[in-house]
Protein backbone atom coordinates (compact mmCIF):
# COMPACT_ATOMS: atom_id res chain seq x y z
CA MET A 1 -114.71 -175.09 -81.90
CA ALA A 2 -114.88 -171.15 -79.81
CA ILE A 3 -113.40 -169.95 -82.95
CA MET A 4 -116.80 -170.72 -84.95
CA LYS A 5 -118.79 -169.72 -83.09
CA LYS A 6 -117.74 -166.43 -82.49
CA SER A 7 -117.17 -165.83 -86.20
CA SER A 8 -120.86 -167.47 -86.67
CA LYS A 9 -121.75 -164.54 -84.54
CA LEU A 10 -119.80 -162.34 -86.43
CA THR A 11 -121.57 -164.02 -89.51
CA GLN A 12 -125.03 -163.49 -88.07
CA THR A 13 -123.88 -159.46 -86.60
CA ALA A 14 -122.79 -158.68 -89.73
CA MET A 15 -126.06 -159.82 -91.84
CA LEU A 16 -128.61 -158.18 -89.26
CA LYS A 17 -126.69 -154.98 -89.99
CA GLN A 18 -127.27 -155.92 -93.84
CA ILE A 19 -130.47 -156.39 -93.09
CA LEU A 20 -131.38 -152.79 -90.43
CA LYS A 21 -129.75 -150.40 -93.01
CA ARG A 22 -131.56 -151.69 -96.47
CA CYS A 23 -134.78 -151.79 -94.41
CA SER A 24 -134.45 -148.28 -92.85
CA SER A 25 -134.37 -146.52 -96.93
CA LEU A 26 -137.66 -145.98 -96.00
CA GLY A 27 -138.19 -143.78 -93.43
CA LYS A 28 -134.48 -142.51 -94.02
CA LYS A 29 -136.61 -141.09 -97.21
CA ASN A 30 -139.54 -139.81 -94.91
CA GLY A 31 -137.00 -137.84 -92.79
CA GLY A 32 -137.12 -138.57 -89.66
CA GLY A 33 -136.19 -141.02 -87.00
CA TYR A 34 -132.48 -142.83 -87.79
CA ASP A 35 -129.31 -141.87 -86.87
CA GLU A 36 -125.91 -140.76 -88.97
CA GLU A 37 -125.90 -145.36 -89.30
CA CYS A 38 -129.26 -145.35 -90.84
CA LEU A 39 -130.41 -146.92 -87.85
CA PRO A 40 -133.86 -145.97 -86.44
CA LEU A 41 -132.81 -144.26 -82.86
CA ASP A 42 -135.78 -145.65 -80.48
CA VAL A 43 -134.65 -149.00 -80.94
CA PRO A 44 -131.91 -149.89 -78.26
CA LYS A 45 -128.72 -150.87 -78.77
CA GLY A 46 -128.41 -155.05 -78.33
CA HIS A 47 -132.44 -154.98 -80.32
CA PHE A 48 -133.59 -154.63 -83.90
CA PRO A 49 -137.35 -153.94 -85.28
CA VAL A 50 -139.36 -156.60 -87.31
CA TYR A 51 -143.14 -156.90 -88.70
CA VAL A 52 -145.69 -159.13 -88.08
CA GLY A 53 -149.05 -159.80 -88.83
CA GLU A 54 -151.44 -158.17 -91.63
CA ASN A 55 -151.72 -155.26 -89.57
CA ARG A 56 -147.14 -155.04 -89.35
CA SER A 57 -146.98 -154.24 -86.08
CA ARG A 58 -143.53 -153.53 -84.88
CA TYR A 59 -141.68 -154.95 -82.44
CA ILE A 60 -137.96 -154.72 -80.91
CA VAL A 61 -136.54 -157.96 -80.31
CA PRO A 62 -132.97 -158.10 -78.93
CA ILE A 63 -130.34 -159.41 -81.73
CA SER A 64 -130.19 -162.22 -79.38
CA PHE A 65 -133.19 -163.60 -81.29
CA LEU A 66 -131.10 -164.49 -84.47
CA THR A 67 -129.82 -167.39 -82.72
CA HIS A 68 -132.65 -169.57 -81.17
CA PRO A 69 -133.76 -171.84 -84.01
CA GLU A 70 -138.01 -171.25 -84.53
CA PHE A 71 -136.37 -167.50 -84.44
CA GLN A 72 -134.09 -168.11 -87.87
CA THR A 73 -137.15 -170.25 -89.06
CA LEU A 74 -138.94 -167.22 -89.07
CA LEU A 75 -136.05 -165.23 -90.52
CA ARG A 76 -135.64 -168.51 -94.01
CA ARG A 77 -139.74 -167.70 -94.25
CA ALA A 78 -138.92 -163.73 -94.24
CA GLU A 79 -136.44 -164.57 -97.11
CA GLU A 80 -138.76 -166.82 -98.93
CA GLU A 81 -141.60 -165.08 -98.87
CA PHE A 82 -140.33 -161.17 -98.73
CA GLY A 83 -136.44 -160.88 -99.83
CA PHE A 84 -133.87 -158.41 -97.95
CA ASP A 85 -133.64 -156.52 -100.93
CA HIS A 86 -137.19 -154.12 -99.83
CA ASP A 87 -138.09 -151.04 -98.48
CA MET A 88 -141.01 -152.75 -96.48
CA GLY A 89 -139.07 -152.78 -93.24
CA LEU A 90 -138.08 -157.08 -91.54
CA THR A 91 -141.57 -158.43 -92.24
CA ILE A 92 -141.83 -161.74 -90.36
CA PRO A 93 -144.31 -163.63 -91.95
CA CYS A 94 -146.61 -164.71 -88.83
CA ASP A 95 -149.77 -164.33 -87.07
CA GLU A 96 -148.81 -162.35 -84.18
CA LEU A 97 -150.22 -164.21 -82.06
CA VAL A 98 -148.17 -166.91 -82.96
CA PHE A 99 -145.61 -164.23 -82.86
CA GLN A 100 -145.97 -163.68 -79.36
CA THR A 101 -145.90 -167.15 -77.58
CA LEU A 102 -142.60 -167.67 -79.40
CA THR A 103 -140.46 -164.46 -78.37
CA SER A 104 -142.31 -165.39 -74.82
CA MET A 105 -140.96 -168.37 -74.61
CA ILE A 106 -137.42 -168.05 -76.60
CA ARG A 107 -136.70 -165.22 -72.86
C-alpha cells in the first residue's frame, strides 16, 4: 500500500513539473526570471506559483497542497476551464478571498 502512495506522489510531482514548464514559457519569451529548468527564480524549492481571481493575483503555494482534496478540486476546475497547455500560467478559477480562506485552512 505504501508503494502505491509513493507512486501517486511521484506522479503528482511529475505532473506539476510538466505544468510549470508549460506555464513558464511566457516568462521565458519575455526574457527573464527563470533557471535552466525553466522554473521561476523567485519561487522557493518545494513551491509553485498560481494565478487567482479576475486580476490574476500571483500566489506561491507549497507542493504539499497537491495532496489536499480541496486543492485538487481547484486544479480540476482549472483544467476544465483553461487546460494546462497555455501561456497564462497555472490559473485557478476562484475568487481571491475564497482562495485565501482555503489556503489558510490547509496550512
